[in-house]
PDB file of N, CA and C in Angstrom:
ATOM      1  N   MET A   1      27.721  32.429 -15.234  1.00  0.00           N
ATOM      2  CA  MET A   1      26.945  33.076 -14.571  1.00  0.00           C
ATOM      3  C   MET A   1      27.247  33.420 -13.063  1.00  0.00           C
ATOM      4  N   THR A   2      27.692  34.520 -12.524  1.00  0.00           N
ATOM      5  CA  THR A   2      27.945  34.808 -11.320  1.00  0.00           C
ATOM      6  C   THR A   2      27.174  34.542 -10.116  1.00  0.00           C
ATOM      7  N   GLN A   3      27.696  33.825  -9.216  1.00  0.00           N
ATOM      8  CA  GLN A   3      26.742  33.192  -8.245  1.00  0.00           C
ATOM      9  C   GLN A   3      26.709  34.249  -6.708  1.00  0.00           C
ATOM     10  N   VAL A   4      25.852  34.172  -6.271  1.00  0.00           N
ATOM     11  CA  VAL A   4      25.884  35.032  -5.263  1.00  0.00           C
ATOM     12  C   VAL A   4      26.753  34.837  -4.150  1.00  0.00           C
ATOM     13  N   ALA A   5      27.231  33.808  -3.902  1.00  0.00           N
ATOM     14  CA  ALA A   5      28.295  33.160  -3.055  1.00  0.00           C
ATOM     15  C   ALA A   5      29.638  33.752  -3.557  1.00  0.00           C
ATOM     16  N   ASP A   6      29.770  34.002  -4.869  1.00  0.00           N
ATOM     17  CA  ASP A   6      31.038  34.546  -5.675  1.00  0.00           C
ATOM     18  C   ASP A   6      31.350  36.143  -5.323  1.00  0.00           C
ATOM     19  N   LEU A   7      30.134  36.755  -5.095  1.00  0.00           N
ATOM     20  CA  LEU A   7      30.278  38.616  -5.060  1.00  0.00           C
ATOM     21  C   LEU A   7      31.009  38.513  -3.605  1.00  0.00           C
ATOM     22  N   PRO A   8      31.612  39.782  -3.875  1.00  0.00           N
ATOM     23  CA  PRO A   8      32.618  40.511  -2.741  1.00  0.00           C
ATOM     24  C   PRO A   8      31.662  40.670  -1.792  1.00  0.00           C
ATOM     25  N   LYS A   9      32.042  40.899  -0.437  1.00  0.00           N
ATOM     26  CA  LYS A   9      31.027  41.456   0.615  1.00  0.00           C
ATOM     27  C   LYS A   9      31.194  43.136   0.397  1.00  0.00           C
ATOM     28  N   ILE A  10      30.157  43.614   0.342  1.00  0.00           N
ATOM     29  CA  ILE A  10      29.815  45.199   0.105  1.00  0.00           C
ATOM     30  C   ILE A  10      30.263  45.863   1.260  1.00  0.00           C
ATOM     31  N   ASP A  11      31.362  46.456   1.464  1.00  0.00           N
ATOM     32  CA  ASP A  11      31.804  47.323   2.534  1.00  0.00           C
ATOM     33  C   ASP A  11      32.037  48.838   1.813  1.00  0.00           C
ATOM     34  N   LEU A  12      32.589  49.966   2.438  1.00  0.00           N
ATOM     35  CA  LEU A  12      32.712  51.266   1.876  1.00  0.00           C
ATOM     36  C   LEU A  12      33.757  51.324   0.867  1.00  0.00           C
ATOM     37  N   THR A  13      34.921  50.396   1.053  1.00  0.00           N
ATOM     38  CA  THR A  13      35.868  50.431  -0.040  1.00  0.00           C
ATOM     39  C   THR A  13      35.269  49.766  -1.203  1.00  0.00           C
ATOM     40  N   THR A  14      34.737  48.889  -1.100  1.00  0.00           N
ATOM     41  CA  THR A  14      33.905  47.977  -2.463  1.00  0.00           C
ATOM     42  C   THR A  14      32.966  48.972  -2.997  1.00  0.00           C
ATOM     43  N   PHE A  15      32.349  49.625  -2.273  1.00  0.00           N
ATOM     44  CA  PHE A  15      31.495  50.758  -3.063  1.00  0.00           C
ATOM     45  C   PHE A  15      32.080  51.917  -3.603  1.00  0.00           C
ATOM     46  N   PHE A  16      33.165  52.313  -3.124  1.00  0.00           N
ATOM     47  CA  PHE A  16      33.831  53.370  -3.812  1.00  0.00           C
ATOM     48  C   PHE A  16      34.411  52.791  -5.008  1.00  0.00           C
ATOM     49  N   LEU A  17      35.079  51.580  -4.970  1.00  0.00           N
ATOM     50  CA  LEU A  17      35.716  51.024  -5.974  1.00  0.00           C
ATOM     51  C   LEU A  17      34.369  50.897  -7.361  1.00  0.00           C
ATOM     52  N   SER A  18      33.351  50.460  -6.931  1.00  0.00           N
ATOM     53  CA  SER A  18      32.344  49.948  -7.818  1.00  0.00           C
ATOM     54  C   SER A  18      31.880  51.455  -8.319  1.00  0.00           C
ATOM     55  N   ILE A  19      31.559  52.498  -7.846  1.00  0.00           N
ATOM     56  CA  ILE A  19      31.446  53.771  -8.349  1.00  0.00           C
ATOM     57  C   ILE A  19      32.584  54.185  -9.538  1.00  0.00           C
ATOM     58  N   SER A  20      33.908  54.066  -8.743  1.00  0.00           N
ATOM     59  CA  SER A  20      34.860  54.604  -9.841  1.00  0.00           C
ATOM     60  C   SER A  20      35.015  53.633 -10.998  1.00  0.00           C
ATOM     61  N   SER A  21      34.746  52.406 -11.019  1.00  0.00           N
ATOM     62  CA  SER A  21      34.725  51.479 -12.119  1.00  0.00           C
ATOM     63  C   SER A  21      33.979  51.961 -12.942  1.00  0.00           C
ATOM     64  N   ALA A  22      32.349  52.343 -12.505  1.00  0.00           N
ATOM     65  CA  ALA A  22      31.422  52.887 -13.320  1.00  0.00           C
ATOM     66  C   ALA A  22      32.023  54.111 -14.332  1.00  0.00           C
ATOM     67  N   ALA A  23      32.478  54.661 -13.180  1.00  0.00           N
ATOM     68  CA  ALA A  23      33.128  55.826 -14.028  1.00  0.00           C
ATOM     69  C   ALA A  23      34.145  55.987 -15.092  1.00  0.00           C
ATOM     70  N   PHE A  24      35.335  54.809 -14.724  1.00  0.00           N
ATOM     71  CA  PHE A  24      36.283  54.382 -15.837  1.00  0.00           C
ATOM     72  C   PHE A  24      35.152  54.124 -17.056  1.00  0.00           C
ATOM     73  N   MET A  25      34.342  53.295 -16.998  1.00  0.00           N
ATOM     74  CA  MET A  25      33.663  52.436 -17.710  1.00  0.00           C
ATOM     75  C   MET A  25      33.090  53.481 -18.729  1.00  0.00           C
ATOM     76  N   GLY A  26      32.531  54.656 -18.235  1.00  0.00           N
ATOM     77  CA  GLY A  26      32.219  55.954 -18.937  1.00  0.00           C
ATOM     78  C   GLY A  26      32.968  56.756 -19.581  1.00  0.00           C
ATOM     79  N   LEU A  27      34.367  56.474 -19.312  1.00  0.00           N
ATOM     80  CA  LEU A  27      35.217  57.439 -19.742  1.00  0.00           C
ATOM     81  C   LEU A  27      36.315  56.278 -20.757  1.00  0.00           C
ATOM     82  N   GLY A  28      35.689  55.117 -21.102  1.00  0.00           N
ATOM     83  CA  GLY A  28      35.991  54.380 -22.199  1.00  0.00           C
ATOM     84  C   GLY A  28      37.524  53.989 -21.692  1.00  0.00           C
ATOM     85  N   VAL A  29      37.725  53.727 -20.339  1.00  0.00           N
ATOM     86  CA  VAL A  29      38.880  53.308 -20.002  1.00  0.00           C
ATOM     87  C   VAL A  29      38.829  51.352 -19.622  1.00  0.00           C
ATOM     88  N   ILE A  30      37.714  51.050 -19.388  1.00  0.00           N
ATOM     89  CA  ILE A  30      37.447  49.589 -19.151  1.00  0.00           C
ATOM     90  C   ILE A  30      36.153  49.293 -20.074  1.00  0.00           C
ATOM     91  N   PRO A  31      36.216  47.883 -20.490  1.00  0.00           N
ATOM     92  CA  PRO A  31      34.937  47.597 -21.309  1.00  0.00           C
ATOM     93  C   PRO A  31      33.680  47.415 -20.459  1.00  0.00           C
ATOM     94  N   ALA A  32      32.559  47.561 -21.195  1.00  0.00           N
ATOM     95  CA  ALA A  32      31.095  47.421 -20.395  1.00  0.00           C
ATOM     96  C   ALA A  32      31.461  45.647 -20.046  1.00  0.00           C
ATOM     97  N   SER A  33      30.273  45.389 -19.053  1.00  0.00           N
ATOM     98  CA  SER A  33      30.600  44.082 -18.491  1.00  0.00           C
ATOM     99  C   SER A  33      30.099  43.031 -19.733  1.00  0.00           C
ATOM    100  N   ASP A  34      29.312  43.569 -20.647  1.00  0.00           N
ATOM    101  CA  ASP A  34      29.235  42.876 -21.737  1.00  0.00           C
ATOM    102  C   ASP A  34      30.000  42.286 -22.708  1.00  0.00           C
ATOM    103  N   GLY A  35      31.477  42.828 -22.496  1.00  0.00           N
ATOM    104  CA  GLY A  35      32.530  42.362 -23.189  1.00  0.00           C
ATOM    105  C   GLY A  35      32.760  43.365 -24.663  1.00  0.00           C
ATOM    106  N   GLU A  36      31.666  44.221 -25.051  1.00  0.00           N
ATOM    107  CA  GLU A  36      32.175  45.037 -25.836  1.00  0.00           C
ATOM    108  C   GLU A  36      33.261  46.010 -25.733  1.00  0.00           C
ATOM    109  N   SER A  37      33.846  46.374 -26.660  1.00  0.00           N
ATOM    110  CA  SER A  37      34.861  47.284 -26.686  1.00  0.00           C
ATOM    111  C   SER A  37      34.427  48.429 -26.064  1.00  0.00           C
ATOM    112  N   PRO A  38      35.222  49.247 -25.189  1.00  0.00           N
ATOM    113  CA  PRO A  38      35.195  50.559 -24.506  1.00  0.00           C
ATOM    114  C   PRO A  38      34.574  51.492 -25.398  1.00  0.00           C
ATOM    115  N   LYS A  39      33.483  52.335 -24.783  1.00  0.00           N
ATOM    116  CA  LYS A  39      33.270  53.568 -25.251  1.00  0.00           C
ATOM    117  C   LYS A  39      32.982  54.526 -24.408  1.00  0.00           C
ATOM    118  N   VAL A  40      33.321  55.595 -24.841  1.00  0.00           N
ATOM    119  CA  VAL A  40      33.141  56.819 -24.288  1.00  0.00           C
ATOM    120  C   VAL A  40      31.601  57.383 -23.627  1.00  0.00           C
ATOM    121  N   ASP A  41      31.191  57.570 -22.594  1.00  0.00           N
ATOM    122  CA  ASP A  41      29.917  58.078 -22.246  1.00  0.00           C
ATOM    123  C   ASP A  41      30.233  59.028 -21.051  1.00  0.00           C
ATOM    124  N   LEU A  42      30.541  60.361 -21.475  1.00  0.00           N
ATOM    125  CA  LEU A  42      30.668  61.145 -20.559  1.00  0.00           C
ATOM    126  C   LEU A  42      29.968  61.629 -19.728  1.00  0.00           C
ATOM    127  N   LEU A  43      28.307  61.729 -19.703  1.00  0.00           N
ATOM    128  CA  LEU A  43      27.485  61.674 -19.031  1.00  0.00           C
ATOM    129  C   LEU A  43      27.510  60.610 -17.721  1.00  0.00           C
ATOM    130  N   LEU A  44      27.748  59.335 -18.371  1.00  0.00           N
ATOM    131  CA  LEU A  44      27.812  58.258 -17.390  1.00  0.00           C
ATOM    132  C   LEU A  44      28.873  58.485 -16.487  1.00  0.00           C
ATOM    133  N   ALA A  45      30.023  59.036 -17.089  1.00  0.00           N
ATOM    134  CA  ALA A  45      31.510  59.097 -16.151  1.00  0.00           C
ATOM    135  C   ALA A  45      31.189  60.492 -15.233  1.00  0.00           C
ATOM    136  N   LYS A  46      30.378  61.344 -15.989  1.00  0.00           N
ATOM    137  CA  LYS A  46      30.100  62.696 -14.983  1.00  0.00           C
ATOM    138  C   LYS A  46      29.108  62.368 -13.723  1.00  0.00           C
ATOM    139  N   GLN A  47      28.163  61.278 -14.071  1.00  0.00           N
ATOM    140  CA  GLN A  47      27.043  60.847 -12.975  1.00  0.00           C
ATOM    141  C   GLN A  47      27.850  60.029 -11.944  1.00  0.00           C
ATOM    142  N   ASN A  48      28.632  59.099 -12.263  1.00  0.00           N
ATOM    143  CA  ASN A  48      29.471  58.390 -11.191  1.00  0.00           C
ATOM    144  C   ASN A  48      30.378  59.114 -10.558  1.00  0.00           C
ATOM    145  N   ILE A  49      31.086  60.391 -10.976  1.00  0.00           N
ATOM    146  CA  ILE A  49      32.261  61.256 -10.190  1.00  0.00           C
ATOM    147  C   ILE A  49      31.428  61.928  -9.558  1.00  0.00           C
ATOM    148  N   ASP A  50      30.033  62.525  -9.801  1.00  0.00           N
ATOM    149  CA  ASP A  50      29.250  63.171  -8.885  1.00  0.00           C
ATOM    150  C   ASP A  50      28.769  62.484  -7.911  1.00  0.00           C
ATOM    151  N   LEU A  51      28.600  60.834  -7.747  1.00  0.00           N
ATOM    152  CA  LEU A  51      28.287  60.048  -6.740  1.00  0.00           C
ATOM    153  C   LEU A  51      29.441  60.036  -5.866  1.00  0.00           C
ATOM    154  N   LEU A  52      30.378  59.830  -6.704  1.00  0.00           N
ATOM    155  CA  LEU A  52      31.865  59.652  -5.701  1.00  0.00           C
ATOM    156  C   LEU A  52      31.989  60.968  -4.904  1.00  0.00           C
ATOM    157  N   GLU A  53      31.837  62.123  -5.310  1.00  0.00           N
ATOM    158  CA  GLU A  53      31.534  63.246  -4.467  1.00  0.00           C
ATOM    159  C   GLU A  53      30.988  63.329  -3.576  1.00  0.00           C
ATOM    160  N   LEU A  54      29.557  62.930  -3.941  1.00  0.00           N
ATOM    161  CA  LEU A  54      28.468  62.862  -2.931  1.00  0.00           C
ATOM    162  C   LEU A  54      28.892  61.960  -1.364  1.00  0.00           C
ATOM    163  N   MET A  55      29.446  60.784  -1.992  1.00  0.00           N
ATOM    164  CA  MET A  55      29.852  59.924  -1.002  1.00  0.00           C
ATOM    165  C   MET A  55      31.017  60.518  -0.130  1.00  0.00           C
ATOM    166  N   PHE A  56      31.859  61.179  -0.633  1.00  0.00           N
ATOM    167  CA  PHE A  56      32.852  61.685   0.111  1.00  0.00           C
ATOM    168  C   PHE A  56      32.471  62.982   1.130  1.00  0.00           C
ATOM    169  N   GLU A  57      31.595  63.517   0.588  1.00  0.00           N
ATOM    170  CA  GLU A  57      30.798  64.534   1.615  1.00  0.00           C
ATOM    171  C   GLU A  57      30.256  63.998   2.858  1.00  0.00           C
ATOM    172  N   LYS A  58      29.217  63.100   2.336  1.00  0.00           N
ATOM    173  CA  LYS A  58      28.271  62.387   3.302  1.00  0.00           C
ATOM    174  C   LYS A  58      28.973  61.417   4.309  1.00  0.00           C
ATOM    175  N   THR A  59      30.131  60.849   3.663  1.00  0.00           N
ATOM    176  CA  THR A  59      30.704  59.745   4.675  1.00  0.00           C
ATOM    177  C   THR A  59      31.895  60.584   5.434  1.00  0.00           C
ATOM    178  N   LYS A  60      32.278  61.739   5.311  1.00  0.00           N
ATOM    179  CA  LYS A  60      33.200  62.682   6.070  1.00  0.00           C
ATOM    180  C   LYS A  60      32.912  62.374   7.605  1.00  0.00           C
ATOM    181  N   GLY A  61      34.204  62.153   8.322  1.00  0.00           N
ATOM    182  CA  GLY A  61      34.048  61.770   9.520  1.00  0.00           C
ATOM    183  C   GLY A  61      33.958  60.516   9.881  1.00  0.00           C
ATOM    184  N   ASN A  62      33.406  59.663   8.966  1.00  0.00           N
ATOM    185  CA  ASN A  62      32.828  58.071   9.447  1.00  0.00           C
ATOM    186  C   ASN A  62      34.016  57.189   8.682  1.00  0.00           C
ATOM    187  N   ARG A  63      34.815  57.721   8.073  1.00  0.00           N
ATOM    188  CA  ARG A  63      35.773  56.616   7.236  1.00  0.00           C
ATOM    189  C   ARG A  63      36.920  56.752   7.983  1.00  0.00           C
ATOM    190  N   SER A  64      37.514  55.636   7.545  1.00  0.00           N
ATOM    191  CA  SER A  64      38.996  55.179   8.157  1.00  0.00           C
ATOM    192  C   SER A  64      40.020  56.054   7.440  1.00  0.00           C
ATOM    193  N   PRO A  65      41.188  55.861   7.871  1.00  0.00           N
ATOM    194  CA  PRO A  65      42.167  56.634   7.022  1.00  0.00           C
ATOM    195  C   PRO A  65      42.652  56.145   5.883  1.00  0.00           C
ATOM    196  N   GLU A  66      42.326  54.443   5.584  1.00  0.00           N
ATOM    197  CA  GLU A  66      42.677  53.931   4.352  1.00  0.00           C
ATOM    198  C   GLU A  66      41.382  54.215   3.371  1.00  0.00           C
ATOM    199  N   GLU A  67      40.419  54.219   4.052  1.00  0.00           N
ATOM    200  CA  GLU A  67      39.037  54.889   3.049  1.00  0.00           C
ATOM    201  C   GLU A  67      39.315  56.251   2.659  1.00  0.00           C
ATOM    202  N   ASP A  68      39.765  56.911   3.558  1.00  0.00           N
ATOM    203  CA  ASP A  68      40.074  58.463   3.114  1.00  0.00           C
ATOM    204  C   ASP A  68      40.862  58.636   1.927  1.00  0.00           C
ATOM    205  N   ARG A  69      41.930  57.886   1.987  1.00  0.00           N
ATOM    206  CA  ARG A  69      42.979  57.879   0.857  1.00  0.00           C
ATOM    207  C   ARG A  69      42.412  57.564  -0.206  1.00  0.00           C
ATOM    208  N   LEU A  70      41.568  56.320  -0.346  1.00  0.00           N
ATOM    209  CA  LEU A  70      41.137  55.700  -1.523  1.00  0.00           C
ATOM    210  C   LEU A  70      40.193  56.515  -2.052  1.00  0.00           C
ATOM    211  N   ILE A  71      39.446  57.254  -1.151  1.00  0.00           N
ATOM    212  CA  ILE A  71      38.183  57.973  -2.131  1.00  0.00           C
ATOM    213  C   ILE A  71      38.769  59.224  -2.471  1.00  0.00           C
ATOM    214  N   GLU A  72      39.855  59.789  -1.697  1.00  0.00           N
ATOM    215  CA  GLU A  72      40.616  61.060  -2.472  1.00  0.00           C
ATOM    216  C   GLU A  72      41.424  60.528  -3.869  1.00  0.00           C
ATOM    217  N   GLN A  73      41.833  59.426  -3.708  1.00  0.00           N
ATOM    218  CA  GLN A  73      42.491  58.806  -4.926  1.00  0.00           C
ATOM    219  C   GLN A  73      41.901  58.502  -6.109  1.00  0.00           C
ATOM    220  N   LEU A  74      40.625  58.123  -5.856  1.00  0.00           N
ATOM    221  CA  LEU A  74      39.782  57.964  -6.885  1.00  0.00           C
ATOM    222  C   LEU A  74      39.063  59.157  -7.427  1.00  0.00           C
ATOM    223  N   LEU A  75      38.786  60.020  -6.662  1.00  0.00           N
ATOM    224  CA  LEU A  75      38.321  61.372  -7.305  1.00  0.00           C
ATOM    225  C   LEU A  75      39.334  61.806  -7.934  1.00  0.00           C
ATOM    226  N   PHE A  76      40.435  61.967  -7.401  1.00  0.00           N
ATOM    227  CA  PHE A  76      41.502  62.799  -8.447  1.00  0.00           C
ATOM    228  C   PHE A  76      41.847  61.893  -9.709  1.00  0.00           C
ATOM    229  N   GLN A  77      41.642  60.603  -9.675  1.00  0.00           N
ATOM    230  CA  GLN A  77      41.815  59.934 -10.912  1.00  0.00           C
ATOM    231  C   GLN A  77      41.063  59.909 -11.980  1.00  0.00           C
ATOM    232  N   THR A  78      39.410  59.715 -11.424  1.00  0.00           N
ATOM    233  CA  THR A  78      38.625  60.056 -12.201  1.00  0.00           C
ATOM    234  C   THR A  78      38.381  61.437 -12.811  1.00  0.00           C
ATOM    235  N   ARG A  79      38.539  62.390 -11.905  1.00  0.00           N
ATOM    236  CA  ARG A  79      38.242  63.867 -12.264  1.00  0.00           C
ATOM    237  C   ARG A  79      39.532  64.430 -13.253  1.00  0.00           C
ATOM    238  N   MET A  80      40.879  63.698 -13.128  1.00  0.00           N
ATOM    239  CA  MET A  80      41.874  63.849 -14.231  1.00  0.00           C
ATOM    240  C   MET A  80      41.254  63.261 -15.506  1.00  0.00           C
ATOM    241  N   LYS A  81      41.009  62.133 -15.488  1.00  0.00           N
ATOM    242  CA  LYS A  81      40.855  61.179 -16.822  1.00  0.00           C
ATOM    243  C   LYS A  81      39.521  61.900 -17.389  1.00  0.00           C
ATOM    244  N   PHE A  82      38.646  62.644 -16.629  1.00  0.00           N
ATOM    245  CA  PHE A  82      37.380  63.015 -17.419  1.00  0.00           C
ATOM    246  C   PHE A  82      37.744  64.338 -18.037  1.00  0.00           C
ATOM    247  N   VAL A  83      38.683  65.037 -17.569  1.00  0.00           N
ATOM    248  CA  VAL A  83      39.156  66.290 -18.178  1.00  0.00           C
ATOM    249  C   VAL A  83      39.798  66.145 -19.523  1.00  0.00           C
ATOM    250  N   GLU A  84      40.741  64.959 -19.268  1.00  0.00           N
ATOM    251  CA  GLU A  84      41.494  64.239 -20.540  1.00  0.00           C
ATOM    252  C   GLU A  84      40.669  63.995 -21.524  1.00  0.00           C
ATOM    253  N   THR A  85      39.694  62.982 -21.238  1.00  0.00           N
ATOM    254  CA  THR A  85      38.772  62.655 -22.113  1.00  0.00           C
ATOM    255  C   THR A  85      37.855  63.574 -22.867  1.00  0.00           C
ATOM    256  N   GLN A  86      37.297  64.596 -22.005  1.00  0.00           N
ATOM    257  CA  GLN A  86      36.443  65.824 -22.692  1.00  0.00           C
ATOM    258  C   GLN A  86      37.246  66.597 -23.525  1.00  0.00           C
ATOM    259  N   ARG A  87      38.615  66.650 -23.180  1.00  0.00           N
ATOM    260  CA  ARG A  87      39.619  67.597 -24.264  1.00  0.00           C
ATOM    261  C   ARG A  87      39.546  66.882 -25.254  1.00  0.00           C
ATOM    262  N   ILE A  88      39.611  65.506 -25.273  1.00  0.00           N
ATOM    263  CA  ILE A  88      40.062  64.727 -26.575  1.00  0.00           C
ATOM    264  C   ILE A  88      38.722  64.949 -27.509  1.00  0.00           C
ATOM    265  N   ALA A  89      37.530  64.764 -26.965  1.00  0.00           N
ATOM    266  CA  ALA A  89      36.132  64.271 -27.291  1.00  0.00           C
ATOM    267  C   ALA A  89      35.974  65.759 -28.167  1.00  0.00           C
ATOM    268  N   HIS A  90      36.438  66.914 -27.531  1.00  0.00           N
ATOM    269  CA  HIS A  90      35.892  68.097 -28.186  1.00  0.00           C
ATOM    270  C   HIS A  90      36.834  68.585 -29.494  1.00  0.00           C
ATOM    271  N   HIS A  91      38.015  67.648 -29.558  1.00  0.00           N
ATOM    272  CA  HIS A  91      39.019  68.130 -30.856  1.00  0.00           C
ATOM    273  C   HIS A  91      38.841  67.150 -31.485  1.00  0.00           C
ATOM    274  N   GLN A  92      37.979  66.479 -31.537  1.00  0.00           N
ATOM    275  CA  GLN A  92      37.740  65.343 -32.597  1.00  0.00           C
ATOM    276  C   GLN A  92      36.727  65.792 -33.672  1.00  0.00           C
TER     277      GLN A  92
END
């Protein structure tokens, strides 16, 4: 069991990474926290990508250059993987 003291401090970078992890979980890239094999849930992925986009807009002008690069990279990666996963799902 994870102890409160073991949890990382929440800052903007950690928050962005947490949201993107949930998106990648929905894209079937990483397994769920319960250890089950990865499952694709495009609705979960889209919801978290939308949340990243919302945070991108709402934090504009208040991010460090590193945070800017991180959220832009995460948005690019999650969007590209979403399109790829969606295309594969429609061809099955």
